[in-house]
Amino acid sequence: MKYYDVIVIGAGLSGLTAASLLAKRGLQVGVIDNNYKPGGSCGIFKRNNIIFDQGAAMLYGFGEKGYNAHRLVFNFLEEPLSVIKHDLLYSVNFKGHRIKFWADLEMFSKELAKVFPSQRDNIKRFYLDMGKIYQHVMVENPSYTTPDETDALVAFKSLLKHPVSYIRFLSYLNKSAKNLLQKYFSDQEIFK
């Protein structure tokens, strides 16, 4: 019988990542899952020649800017990582309109404005505001630790550099998406 230092229950992305990082540290790791294949909710199934995503259809964190969780893991595991960027993330059908989710926010804003023309200026303002906060909080000051392990002086210096963005970001943590969107949009259909 084989003995393990650690048993990881669940072969989804988190379980596989944890197992890989522990094995890299030299521990004997076993992974147990109730499915016949690893990957958890990151997969697809096919019915009548139609492919359905069963969970995570997109994984973030491979970008060149900001906190890059996946690159961090692959770098630690010392595995090469090649990422092919797609300009079109995905698309949805909404009330007879096909909305394309472009990686380029300006293109995506124009796409949304075709469906919600009365909200054109609000869409642009929303994405400009969110982009600015993302740039100030995530890109310029990427954090690779949890908040309780973050150096207080480093965090304070970041706060002083862009205080308005940090305060707005922190205020959003206790709001629902709907509450945030209501500050920008008046057309209730856009919430759908």
N, C-alpha and C. Protein backbone atom coordinates (compact mmCIF):
# COMPACT_ATOMS: atom_id res chain seq x y z
N MET A 1 0.85 -1.19 0.00
CA MET A 1 0.00 0.00 0.00
C MET A 1 0.89 1.24 0.00
N LYS A 2 0.56 2.19 -0.85
CA LYS A 2 1.35 3.41 -0.96
C LYS A 2 0.89 4.41 0.09
N TYR A 3 1.83 5.09 0.71
CA TYR A 3 1.51 6.10 1.72
C TYR A 3 1.77 7.49 1.15
N TYR A 4 0.91 8.42 1.52
CA TYR A 4 1.02 9.79 1.04
C TYR A 4 1.22 10.73 2.23
N ASP A 5 1.96 11.80 1.97
CA ASP A 5 2.08 12.86 2.97
C ASP A 5 0.81 13.69 3.01
N VAL A 6 0.20 13.85 1.83
CA VAL A 6 -0.99 14.69 1.68
C VAL A 6 -1.96 14.01 0.73
N ILE A 7 -3.24 14.05 1.08
CA ILE A 7 -4.31 13.62 0.16
C ILE A 7 -5.11 14.86 -0.18
N VAL A 8 -5.24 15.16 -1.47
CA VAL A 8 -6.05 16.28 -1.93
C VAL A 8 -7.36 15.70 -2.44
N ILE A 9 -8.46 16.19 -1.90
CA ILE A 9 -9.77 15.72 -2.32
C ILE A 9 -10.33 16.70 -3.34
N GLY A 10 -10.51 16.22 -4.54
CA GLY A 10 -11.03 17.05 -5.63
C GLY A 10 -9.96 17.30 -6.67
N ALA A 11 -10.22 16.89 -7.90
CA ALA A 11 -9.26 17.07 -8.99
C ALA A 11 -9.68 18.19 -9.93
N GLY A 12 -10.30 19.23 -9.35
CA GLY A 12 -10.60 20.43 -10.13
C GLY A 12 -9.34 21.26 -10.24
N LEU A 13 -9.47 22.45 -10.80
CA LEU A 13 -8.29 23.30 -10.99
C LEU A 13 -7.59 23.63 -9.67
N SER A 14 -8.36 23.91 -8.63
CA SER A 14 -7.76 24.24 -7.33
C SER A 14 -7.05 23.04 -6.73
N GLY A 15 -7.70 21.87 -6.76
CA GLY A 15 -7.08 20.66 -6.21
C GLY A 15 -5.82 20.27 -6.96
N LEU A 16 -5.87 20.33 -8.29
CA LEU A 16 -4.69 20.00 -9.09
C LEU A 16 -3.55 20.99 -8.86
N THR A 17 -3.91 22.26 -8.71
CA THR A 17 -2.88 23.28 -8.43
C THR A 17 -2.24 23.02 -7.07
N ALA A 18 -3.09 22.79 -6.05
CA ALA A 18 -2.56 22.52 -4.71
C ALA A 18 -1.66 21.29 -4.73
N ALA A 19 -2.12 20.22 -5.39
CA ALA A 19 -1.33 18.99 -5.46
C ALA A 19 0.01 19.23 -6.16
N SER A 20 -0.01 19.99 -7.24
CA SER A 20 1.23 20.28 -7.98
C SER A 20 2.22 21.07 -7.13
N LEU A 21 1.71 22.08 -6.44
CA LEU A 21 2.60 22.90 -5.61
C LEU A 21 3.18 22.10 -4.45
N LEU A 22 2.37 21.24 -3.85
CA LEU A 22 2.86 20.39 -2.75
C LEU A 22 3.89 19.38 -3.25
N ALA A 23 3.62 18.78 -4.41
CA ALA A 23 4.56 17.81 -4.98
C ALA A 23 5.89 18.49 -5.32
N LYS A 24 5.81 19.72 -5.79
CA LYS A 24 7.03 20.48 -6.12
C LYS A 24 7.89 20.67 -4.87
N ARG A 25 7.24 20.73 -3.71
CA ARG A 25 7.96 20.87 -2.43
C ARG A 25 8.52 19.55 -1.93
N GLY A 26 8.29 18.47 -2.67
CA GLY A 26 8.86 17.18 -2.30
C GLY A 26 7.95 16.26 -1.53
N LEU A 27 6.69 16.63 -1.37
CA LEU A 27 5.75 15.78 -0.64
C LEU A 27 5.16 14.72 -1.57
N GLN A 28 4.81 13.57 -1.00
CA GLN A 28 4.10 12.53 -1.75
C GLN A 28 2.62 12.89 -1.70
N VAL A 29 2.02 13.15 -2.85
CA VAL A 29 0.66 13.67 -2.90
C VAL A 29 -0.24 12.71 -3.68
N GLY A 30 -1.41 12.43 -3.13
CA GLY A 30 -2.44 11.67 -3.82
C GLY A 30 -3.64 12.58 -4.05
N VAL A 31 -4.28 12.42 -5.20
CA VAL A 31 -5.46 13.22 -5.53
C VAL A 31 -6.64 12.26 -5.73
N ILE A 32 -7.75 12.55 -5.05
CA ILE A 32 -8.94 11.72 -5.13
C ILE A 32 -10.09 12.58 -5.66
N ASP A 33 -10.82 12.03 -6.63
CA ASP A 33 -11.98 12.74 -7.17
C ASP A 33 -13.07 11.71 -7.47
N ASN A 34 -14.32 12.12 -7.42
CA ASN A 34 -15.40 11.19 -7.71
C ASN A 34 -15.69 11.09 -9.21
N ASN A 35 -15.03 11.91 -10.02
CA ASN A 35 -15.20 11.86 -11.46
C ASN A 35 -14.15 10.95 -12.08
N TYR A 36 -14.40 10.51 -13.28
CA TYR A 36 -13.44 9.63 -13.95
C TYR A 36 -12.32 10.40 -14.64
N LYS A 37 -12.44 11.73 -14.72
CA LYS A 37 -11.38 12.53 -15.35
C LYS A 37 -11.16 13.80 -14.54
N PRO A 38 -9.93 14.30 -14.52
CA PRO A 38 -9.65 15.53 -13.76
C PRO A 38 -10.15 16.77 -14.50
N GLY A 39 -10.16 17.89 -13.79
CA GLY A 39 -10.52 19.16 -14.40
C GLY A 39 -11.70 19.85 -13.74
N GLY A 40 -12.49 19.10 -12.98
CA GLY A 40 -13.62 19.71 -12.29
C GLY A 40 -14.59 20.34 -13.26
N SER A 41 -14.98 21.57 -12.96
CA SER A 41 -15.97 22.25 -13.80
C SER A 41 -15.36 22.92 -15.02
N CYS A 42 -14.10 22.67 -15.26
CA CYS A 42 -13.43 23.24 -16.43
C CYS A 42 -13.47 22.19 -17.55
N GLY A 43 -14.58 22.13 -18.23
CA GLY A 43 -14.71 21.15 -19.28
C GLY A 43 -15.94 21.38 -20.12
N ILE A 44 -16.21 20.43 -20.99
CA ILE A 44 -17.34 20.53 -21.89
C ILE A 44 -18.04 19.18 -21.97
N PHE A 45 -19.25 19.20 -22.49
CA PHE A 45 -19.92 17.96 -22.89
C PHE A 45 -20.68 18.24 -24.17
N LYS A 46 -21.00 17.18 -24.89
CA LYS A 46 -21.62 17.32 -26.20
C LYS A 46 -22.96 16.59 -26.20
N ARG A 47 -23.99 17.25 -26.72
CA ARG A 47 -25.30 16.64 -26.89
C ARG A 47 -25.82 17.05 -28.27
N ASN A 48 -26.20 16.05 -29.06
CA ASN A 48 -26.74 16.32 -30.41
C ASN A 48 -25.84 17.26 -31.22
N ASN A 49 -24.56 16.99 -31.21
CA ASN A 49 -23.55 17.77 -31.94
C ASN A 49 -23.44 19.23 -31.49
N ILE A 50 -23.95 19.54 -30.30
CA ILE A 50 -23.80 20.89 -29.73
C ILE A 50 -22.89 20.77 -28.52
N ILE A 51 -21.88 21.64 -28.45
CA ILE A 51 -20.92 21.61 -27.34
C ILE A 51 -21.38 22.60 -26.28
N PHE A 52 -21.43 22.15 -25.03
CA PHE A 52 -21.81 22.98 -23.88
C PHE A 52 -20.63 23.09 -22.91
N ASP A 53 -20.38 24.31 -22.45
CA ASP A 53 -19.43 24.48 -21.35
C ASP A 53 -20.13 24.04 -20.08
N GLN A 54 -19.45 23.25 -19.25
CA GLN A 54 -20.10 22.80 -18.02
C GLN A 54 -19.68 23.64 -16.82
N GLY A 55 -18.88 24.62 -17.03
CA GLY A 55 -18.46 25.45 -15.90
C GLY A 55 -17.60 26.57 -16.40
N ALA A 56 -16.39 26.63 -15.91
CA ALA A 56 -15.47 27.71 -16.26
C ALA A 56 -15.15 27.64 -17.75
N ALA A 57 -15.58 28.65 -18.48
CA ALA A 57 -15.32 28.68 -19.91
C ALA A 57 -14.11 29.56 -20.23
N MET A 58 -13.79 30.45 -19.31
CA MET A 58 -12.65 31.33 -19.52
C MET A 58 -11.84 31.37 -18.23
N LEU A 59 -10.53 31.37 -18.38
CA LEU A 59 -9.64 31.47 -17.23
C LEU A 59 -8.86 32.76 -17.37
N TYR A 60 -8.89 33.57 -16.33
CA TYR A 60 -8.17 34.84 -16.35
C TYR A 60 -6.86 34.69 -15.60
N GLY A 61 -6.01 35.66 -15.72
CA GLY A 61 -4.78 35.67 -14.96
C GLY A 61 -3.55 35.30 -15.77
N PHE A 62 -3.67 35.34 -17.10
CA PHE A 62 -2.52 35.04 -17.94
C PHE A 62 -1.96 36.29 -18.60
N GLY A 63 -2.52 37.45 -18.27
CA GLY A 63 -2.11 38.68 -18.93
C GLY A 63 -0.71 39.13 -18.57
N GLU A 64 -0.23 40.08 -19.31
CA GLU A 64 1.11 40.63 -19.07
C GLU A 64 1.11 41.69 -17.99
N LYS A 65 -0.07 42.21 -17.61
CA LYS A 65 -0.17 43.27 -16.62
C LYS A 65 -0.97 42.79 -15.42
N GLY A 66 -0.70 43.38 -14.26
CA GLY A 66 -1.47 43.07 -13.07
C GLY A 66 -1.08 41.73 -12.47
N TYR A 67 -1.88 41.28 -11.56
CA TYR A 67 -1.64 40.00 -10.87
C TYR A 67 -1.93 38.86 -11.83
N ASN A 68 -1.00 37.98 -12.00
CA ASN A 68 -1.14 36.89 -12.95
C ASN A 68 -1.05 35.56 -12.21
N ALA A 69 -2.17 35.15 -11.63
CA ALA A 69 -2.18 33.95 -10.78
C ALA A 69 -1.69 32.71 -11.52
N HIS A 70 -2.12 32.50 -12.73
CA HIS A 70 -1.74 31.30 -13.46
C HIS A 70 -0.27 31.33 -13.85
N ARG A 71 0.21 32.47 -14.28
CA ARG A 71 1.64 32.58 -14.59
C ARG A 71 2.48 32.32 -13.34
N LEU A 72 2.03 32.83 -12.20
CA LEU A 72 2.74 32.63 -10.94
C LEU A 72 2.88 31.14 -10.64
N VAL A 73 1.79 30.38 -10.78
CA VAL A 73 1.83 28.94 -10.51
C VAL A 73 2.76 28.24 -11.50
N PHE A 74 2.62 28.52 -12.78
CA PHE A 74 3.46 27.86 -13.76
C PHE A 74 4.93 28.23 -13.58
N ASN A 75 5.20 29.48 -13.22
CA ASN A 75 6.59 29.88 -12.96
C ASN A 75 7.15 29.12 -11.78
N PHE A 76 6.36 28.97 -10.73
CA PHE A 76 6.82 28.24 -9.55
C PHE A 76 7.07 26.77 -9.88
N LEU A 77 6.20 26.19 -10.70
CA LEU A 77 6.37 24.79 -11.08
C LEU A 77 7.46 24.63 -12.13
N GLU A 78 7.95 25.75 -12.64
CA GLU A 78 9.00 25.77 -13.67
C GLU A 78 8.55 25.05 -14.93
N GLU A 79 7.32 25.33 -15.32
CA GLU A 79 6.76 24.76 -16.54
C GLU A 79 6.61 25.87 -17.57
N PRO A 80 6.95 25.59 -18.81
CA PRO A 80 6.75 26.62 -19.84
C PRO A 80 5.27 26.88 -20.06
N LEU A 81 4.96 28.11 -20.38
CA LEU A 81 3.56 28.48 -20.57
C LEU A 81 3.45 29.38 -21.79
N SER A 82 2.66 28.94 -22.75
CA SER A 82 2.37 29.75 -23.92
C SER A 82 0.89 30.07 -23.91
N VAL A 83 0.57 31.33 -24.12
CA VAL A 83 -0.82 31.75 -24.12
C VAL A 83 -1.14 32.38 -25.46
N ILE A 84 -2.23 31.96 -26.05
CA ILE A 84 -2.70 32.54 -27.30
C ILE A 84 -3.90 33.41 -26.96
N LYS A 85 -3.77 34.69 -27.20
CA LYS A 85 -4.84 35.62 -26.87
C LYS A 85 -5.87 35.65 -28.01
N HIS A 86 -7.12 35.54 -27.62
CA HIS A 86 -8.21 35.65 -28.58
C HIS A 86 -8.85 37.02 -28.43
N ASP A 87 -9.09 37.67 -29.55
CA ASP A 87 -9.72 38.99 -29.50
C ASP A 87 -11.18 38.91 -29.08
N LEU A 88 -11.85 37.84 -29.46
CA LEU A 88 -13.25 37.66 -29.11
C LEU A 88 -13.32 36.64 -27.98
N LEU A 89 -13.73 37.09 -26.79
CA LEU A 89 -13.78 36.21 -25.63
C LEU A 89 -14.92 35.21 -25.74
N TYR A 90 -16.13 35.70 -25.99
CA TYR A 90 -17.29 34.87 -26.22
C TYR A 90 -18.41 35.76 -26.70
N SER A 91 -19.56 35.18 -26.96
CA SER A 91 -20.71 35.98 -27.37
C SER A 91 -21.97 35.36 -26.77
N VAL A 92 -22.97 36.21 -26.61
CA VAL A 92 -24.27 35.75 -26.10
C VAL A 92 -25.37 36.29 -27.00
N ASN A 93 -26.47 35.57 -27.03
CA ASN A 93 -27.66 36.02 -27.74
C ASN A 93 -28.60 36.61 -26.72
N PHE A 94 -29.00 37.86 -26.94
CA PHE A 94 -29.90 38.55 -26.02
C PHE A 94 -31.00 39.22 -26.81
N LYS A 95 -32.21 38.71 -26.68
CA LYS A 95 -33.39 39.30 -27.32
C LYS A 95 -33.16 39.60 -28.81
N GLY A 96 -32.65 38.61 -29.52
CA GLY A 96 -32.44 38.74 -30.96
C GLY A 96 -31.15 39.43 -31.35
N HIS A 97 -30.36 39.83 -30.41
CA HIS A 97 -29.07 40.47 -30.69
C HIS A 97 -27.93 39.53 -30.30
N ARG A 98 -26.94 39.45 -31.13
CA ARG A 98 -25.75 38.69 -30.79
C ARG A 98 -24.73 39.69 -30.26
N ILE A 99 -24.41 39.59 -28.97
CA ILE A 99 -23.47 40.52 -28.34
C ILE A 99 -22.11 39.84 -28.25
N LYS A 100 -21.13 40.45 -28.90
CA LYS A 100 -19.77 39.90 -28.90
C LYS A 100 -18.97 40.56 -27.77
N PHE A 101 -18.37 39.72 -26.95
CA PHE A 101 -17.56 40.19 -25.83
C PHE A 101 -16.10 40.27 -26.29
N TRP A 102 -15.74 41.46 -26.79
CA TRP A 102 -14.38 41.67 -27.28
C TRP A 102 -13.43 41.93 -26.11
N ALA A 103 -12.21 41.49 -26.26
CA ALA A 103 -11.18 41.76 -25.23
C ALA A 103 -10.90 43.26 -25.16
N ASP A 104 -10.98 43.94 -26.30
CA ASP A 104 -10.78 45.38 -26.36
C ASP A 104 -12.04 46.06 -25.81
N LEU A 105 -11.90 46.80 -24.70
CA LEU A 105 -13.07 47.39 -24.05
C LEU A 105 -13.79 48.43 -24.91
N GLU A 106 -13.07 49.14 -25.73
CA GLU A 106 -13.73 50.13 -26.60
C GLU A 106 -14.62 49.41 -27.62
N MET A 107 -14.11 48.33 -28.19
CA MET A 107 -14.93 47.55 -29.14
C MET A 107 -16.14 46.95 -28.43
N PHE A 108 -15.92 46.43 -27.21
CA PHE A 108 -17.03 45.84 -26.45
C PHE A 108 -18.07 46.89 -26.10
N SER A 109 -17.64 48.08 -25.71
CA SER A 109 -18.56 49.17 -25.39
C SER A 109 -19.43 49.52 -26.60
N LYS A 110 -18.82 49.57 -27.78
CA LYS A 110 -19.57 49.85 -29.00
C LYS A 110 -20.58 48.73 -29.29
N GLU A 111 -20.17 47.50 -29.02
CA GLU A 111 -21.06 46.35 -29.23
C GLU A 111 -22.28 46.46 -28.32
N LEU A 112 -22.06 46.79 -27.05
CA LEU A 112 -23.18 46.95 -26.11
C LEU A 112 -24.07 48.13 -26.51
N ALA A 113 -23.45 49.20 -26.98
CA ALA A 113 -24.21 50.39 -27.36
C ALA A 113 -25.14 50.13 -28.54
N LYS A 114 -24.81 49.14 -29.39
CA LYS A 114 -25.71 48.77 -30.49
C LYS A 114 -27.02 48.21 -29.94
N VAL A 115 -26.93 47.49 -28.83
CA VAL A 115 -28.11 46.85 -28.23
C VAL A 115 -28.83 47.82 -27.30
N PHE A 116 -28.06 48.69 -26.63
CA PHE A 116 -28.62 49.65 -25.67
C PHE A 116 -28.19 51.07 -26.06
N PRO A 117 -28.71 51.59 -27.18
CA PRO A 117 -28.25 52.90 -27.67
C PRO A 117 -28.49 54.04 -26.68
N SER A 118 -29.54 53.97 -25.87
CA SER A 118 -29.80 55.05 -24.91
C SER A 118 -28.78 55.06 -23.78
N GLN A 119 -28.00 54.00 -23.66
CA GLN A 119 -27.02 53.88 -22.57
C GLN A 119 -25.58 54.05 -23.06
N ARG A 120 -25.41 54.49 -24.30
CA ARG A 120 -24.09 54.59 -24.93
C ARG A 120 -23.09 55.35 -24.04
N ASP A 121 -23.45 56.54 -23.59
CA ASP A 121 -22.53 57.33 -22.76
C ASP A 121 -22.27 56.67 -21.41
N ASN A 122 -23.30 56.06 -20.84
CA ASN A 122 -23.15 55.39 -19.55
C ASN A 122 -22.25 54.17 -19.66
N ILE A 123 -22.36 53.43 -20.76
CA ILE A 123 -21.50 52.27 -20.98
C ILE A 123 -20.05 52.71 -21.06
N LYS A 124 -19.82 53.77 -21.83
CA LYS A 124 -18.45 54.28 -21.97
C LYS A 124 -17.90 54.74 -20.62
N ARG A 125 -18.71 55.47 -19.86
CA ARG A 125 -18.28 55.97 -18.54
C ARG A 125 -17.99 54.81 -17.58
N PHE A 126 -18.87 53.80 -17.59
CA PHE A 126 -18.68 52.64 -16.72
C PHE A 126 -17.34 51.96 -16.98
N TYR A 127 -17.05 51.67 -18.25
CA TYR A 127 -15.81 50.96 -18.56
C TYR A 127 -14.57 51.84 -18.39
N LEU A 128 -14.71 53.14 -18.61
CA LEU A 128 -13.58 54.03 -18.32
C LEU A 128 -13.28 54.04 -16.82
N ASP A 129 -14.32 54.14 -16.00
CA ASP A 129 -14.14 54.14 -14.55
C ASP A 129 -13.56 52.82 -14.06
N MET A 130 -14.11 51.71 -14.52
CA MET A 130 -13.62 50.39 -14.07
C MET A 130 -12.19 50.16 -14.55
N GLY A 131 -11.89 50.59 -15.77
CA GLY A 131 -10.54 50.44 -16.31
C GLY A 131 -9.52 51.24 -15.51
N LYS A 132 -9.90 52.44 -15.11
CA LYS A 132 -9.01 53.29 -14.32
C LYS A 132 -8.73 52.65 -12.95
N ILE A 133 -9.78 52.16 -12.30
CA ILE A 133 -9.60 51.51 -11.00
C ILE A 133 -8.74 50.26 -11.15
N TYR A 134 -9.00 49.47 -12.18
CA TYR A 134 -8.20 48.26 -12.42
C TYR A 134 -6.73 48.63 -12.62
N GLN A 135 -6.47 49.65 -13.41
CA GLN A 135 -5.10 50.09 -13.68
C GLN A 135 -4.41 50.52 -12.38
N HIS A 136 -5.09 51.35 -11.59
CA HIS A 136 -4.49 51.89 -10.37
C HIS A 136 -4.30 50.84 -9.28
N VAL A 137 -5.29 49.97 -9.10
CA VAL A 137 -5.27 49.04 -7.96
C VAL A 137 -4.59 47.72 -8.31
N MET A 138 -4.87 47.17 -9.49
CA MET A 138 -4.38 45.83 -9.82
C MET A 138 -3.11 45.83 -10.67
N VAL A 139 -3.05 46.69 -11.68
CA VAL A 139 -1.92 46.65 -12.60
C VAL A 139 -0.69 47.34 -12.02
N GLU A 140 -0.87 48.53 -11.49
CA GLU A 140 0.28 49.28 -10.98
C GLU A 140 0.82 48.70 -9.67
N ASN A 141 -0.01 47.99 -8.93
CA ASN A 141 0.39 47.46 -7.63
C ASN A 141 -0.05 46.01 -7.47
N PRO A 142 0.47 45.10 -8.31
CA PRO A 142 0.03 43.73 -8.19
C PRO A 142 0.43 43.15 -6.82
N SER A 143 -0.47 42.40 -6.23
CA SER A 143 -0.21 41.79 -4.92
C SER A 143 -0.21 40.28 -5.07
N TYR A 144 0.81 39.66 -4.54
CA TYR A 144 0.92 38.21 -4.65
C TYR A 144 0.68 37.55 -3.30
N THR A 145 0.10 38.30 -2.36
CA THR A 145 -0.19 37.75 -1.05
C THR A 145 -1.65 38.05 -0.69
N THR A 146 -2.10 37.41 0.37
CA THR A 146 -3.43 37.69 0.87
C THR A 146 -3.40 39.01 1.65
N PRO A 147 -4.55 39.67 1.82
CA PRO A 147 -4.55 40.96 2.51
C PRO A 147 -3.92 40.91 3.90
N ASP A 148 -4.08 39.81 4.63
CA ASP A 148 -3.51 39.74 5.98
C ASP A 148 -2.00 39.61 5.98
N GLU A 149 -1.41 39.25 4.82
CA GLU A 149 0.04 39.13 4.72
C GLU A 149 0.67 40.31 3.99
N THR A 150 -0.13 41.22 3.51
CA THR A 150 0.39 42.37 2.77
C THR A 150 1.11 43.32 3.71
N ASP A 151 2.26 43.78 3.28
CA ASP A 151 3.03 44.73 4.06
C ASP A 151 2.24 46.04 4.17
N ALA A 152 1.97 46.48 5.39
CA ALA A 152 1.14 47.66 5.63
C ALA A 152 1.72 48.91 4.98
N LEU A 153 3.02 49.08 5.03
CA LEU A 153 3.66 50.27 4.45
C LEU A 153 3.50 50.28 2.92
N VAL A 154 3.69 49.13 2.30
CA VAL A 154 3.52 49.03 0.85
C VAL A 154 2.07 49.34 0.46
N ALA A 155 1.13 48.78 1.22
CA ALA A 155 -0.29 49.03 0.95
C ALA A 155 -0.62 50.51 1.13
N PHE A 156 -0.08 51.13 2.16
CA PHE A 156 -0.35 52.54 2.42
C PHE A 156 0.21 53.43 1.31
N LYS A 157 1.41 53.12 0.83
CA LYS A 157 2.01 53.89 -0.27
C LYS A 157 1.15 53.78 -1.54
N SER A 158 0.62 52.58 -1.79
CA SER A 158 -0.25 52.38 -2.95
C SER A 158 -1.53 53.20 -2.80
N LEU A 159 -2.08 53.21 -1.60
CA LEU A 159 -3.29 53.97 -1.31
C LEU A 159 -3.06 55.46 -1.54
N LEU A 160 -1.92 55.96 -1.10
CA LEU A 160 -1.61 57.39 -1.26
C LEU A 160 -1.41 57.78 -2.72
N LYS A 161 -0.94 56.85 -3.53
CA LYS A 161 -0.69 57.14 -4.94
C LYS A 161 -2.00 57.40 -5.70
N HIS A 162 -3.05 56.61 -5.40
CA HIS A 162 -4.35 56.76 -6.07
C HIS A 162 -5.46 56.59 -5.04
N PRO A 163 -5.62 57.54 -4.12
CA PRO A 163 -6.59 57.36 -3.03
C PRO A 163 -8.04 57.21 -3.50
N VAL A 164 -8.44 57.95 -4.51
CA VAL A 164 -9.83 57.88 -4.97
C VAL A 164 -10.13 56.49 -5.55
N SER A 165 -9.22 55.97 -6.35
CA SER A 165 -9.43 54.65 -6.94
C SER A 165 -9.50 53.58 -5.86
N TYR A 166 -8.63 53.67 -4.85
CA TYR A 166 -8.63 52.67 -3.78
C TYR A 166 -9.91 52.74 -2.95
N ILE A 167 -10.34 53.94 -2.64
CA ILE A 167 -11.57 54.09 -1.85
C ILE A 167 -12.77 53.55 -2.63
N ARG A 168 -12.83 53.87 -3.92
CA ARG A 168 -13.94 53.36 -4.73
C ARG A 168 -13.88 51.84 -4.82
N PHE A 169 -12.68 51.30 -5.04
CA PHE A 169 -12.52 49.85 -5.12
C PHE A 169 -12.99 49.19 -3.83
N LEU A 170 -12.55 49.70 -2.70
CA LEU A 170 -12.94 49.13 -1.41
C LEU A 170 -14.45 49.24 -1.17
N SER A 171 -15.04 50.35 -1.63
CA SER A 171 -16.50 50.51 -1.44
C SER A 171 -17.28 49.50 -2.27
N TYR A 172 -16.72 49.03 -3.38
CA TYR A 172 -17.40 48.07 -4.24
C TYR A 172 -17.40 46.66 -3.65
N LEU A 173 -16.51 46.38 -2.73
CA LEU A 173 -16.39 45.03 -2.18
C LEU A 173 -17.65 44.60 -1.43
N ASN A 174 -18.40 45.55 -0.90
CA ASN A 174 -19.61 45.22 -0.15
C ASN A 174 -20.89 45.52 -0.92
N LYS A 175 -20.78 45.64 -2.25
CA LYS A 175 -21.95 45.93 -3.07
C LYS A 175 -22.22 44.78 -4.01
N SER A 176 -23.48 44.60 -4.33
CA SER A 176 -23.82 43.62 -5.36
C SER A 176 -23.54 44.26 -6.72
N ALA A 177 -23.42 43.42 -7.74
CA ALA A 177 -23.21 43.93 -9.09
C ALA A 177 -24.37 44.85 -9.49
N LYS A 178 -25.58 44.48 -9.09
CA LYS A 178 -26.75 45.30 -9.44
C LYS A 178 -26.65 46.69 -8.82
N ASN A 179 -26.27 46.76 -7.55
CA ASN A 179 -26.13 48.07 -6.89
C ASN A 179 -25.08 48.94 -7.58
N LEU A 180 -23.99 48.31 -7.99
CA LEU A 180 -22.95 49.06 -8.70
C LEU A 180 -23.47 49.54 -10.05
N LEU A 181 -24.12 48.67 -10.78
CA LEU A 181 -24.61 49.03 -12.12
C LEU A 181 -25.69 50.10 -12.06
N GLN A 182 -26.48 50.13 -11.00
CA GLN A 182 -27.54 51.15 -10.89
C GLN A 182 -26.97 52.56 -10.80
N LYS A 183 -25.73 52.70 -10.40
CA LYS A 183 -25.10 54.02 -10.36
C LYS A 183 -24.79 54.53 -11.77
N TYR A 184 -24.74 53.61 -12.72
CA TYR A 184 -24.37 53.99 -14.09
C TYR A 184 -25.52 53.92 -15.08
N PHE A 185 -26.41 52.95 -14.91
CA PHE A 185 -27.40 52.67 -15.96
C PHE A 185 -28.82 52.89 -15.49
N SER A 186 -29.65 53.39 -16.40
CA SER A 186 -31.06 53.60 -16.08
C SER A 186 -31.96 52.57 -16.77
N ASP A 187 -31.49 51.96 -17.85
CA ASP A 187 -32.28 50.96 -18.57
C ASP A 187 -32.18 49.62 -17.84
N GLN A 188 -33.31 49.16 -17.29
CA GLN A 188 -33.33 47.92 -16.51
C GLN A 188 -32.96 46.69 -17.35
N GLU A 189 -33.14 46.78 -18.65
CA GLU A 189 -32.81 45.65 -19.52
C GLU A 189 -31.31 45.34 -19.52
N ILE A 190 -30.49 46.36 -19.32
CA ILE A 190 -29.05 46.14 -19.35
C ILE A 190 -28.58 45.27 -18.19
N PHE A 191 -29.34 45.23 -17.10
CA PHE A 191 -28.97 44.39 -15.96
C PHE A 191 -29.09 42.90 -16.30
N LYS A 192 -29.92 42.59 -17.27
CA LYS A 192 -30.10 41.19 -17.67
C LYS A 192 -28.92 40.70 -18.46
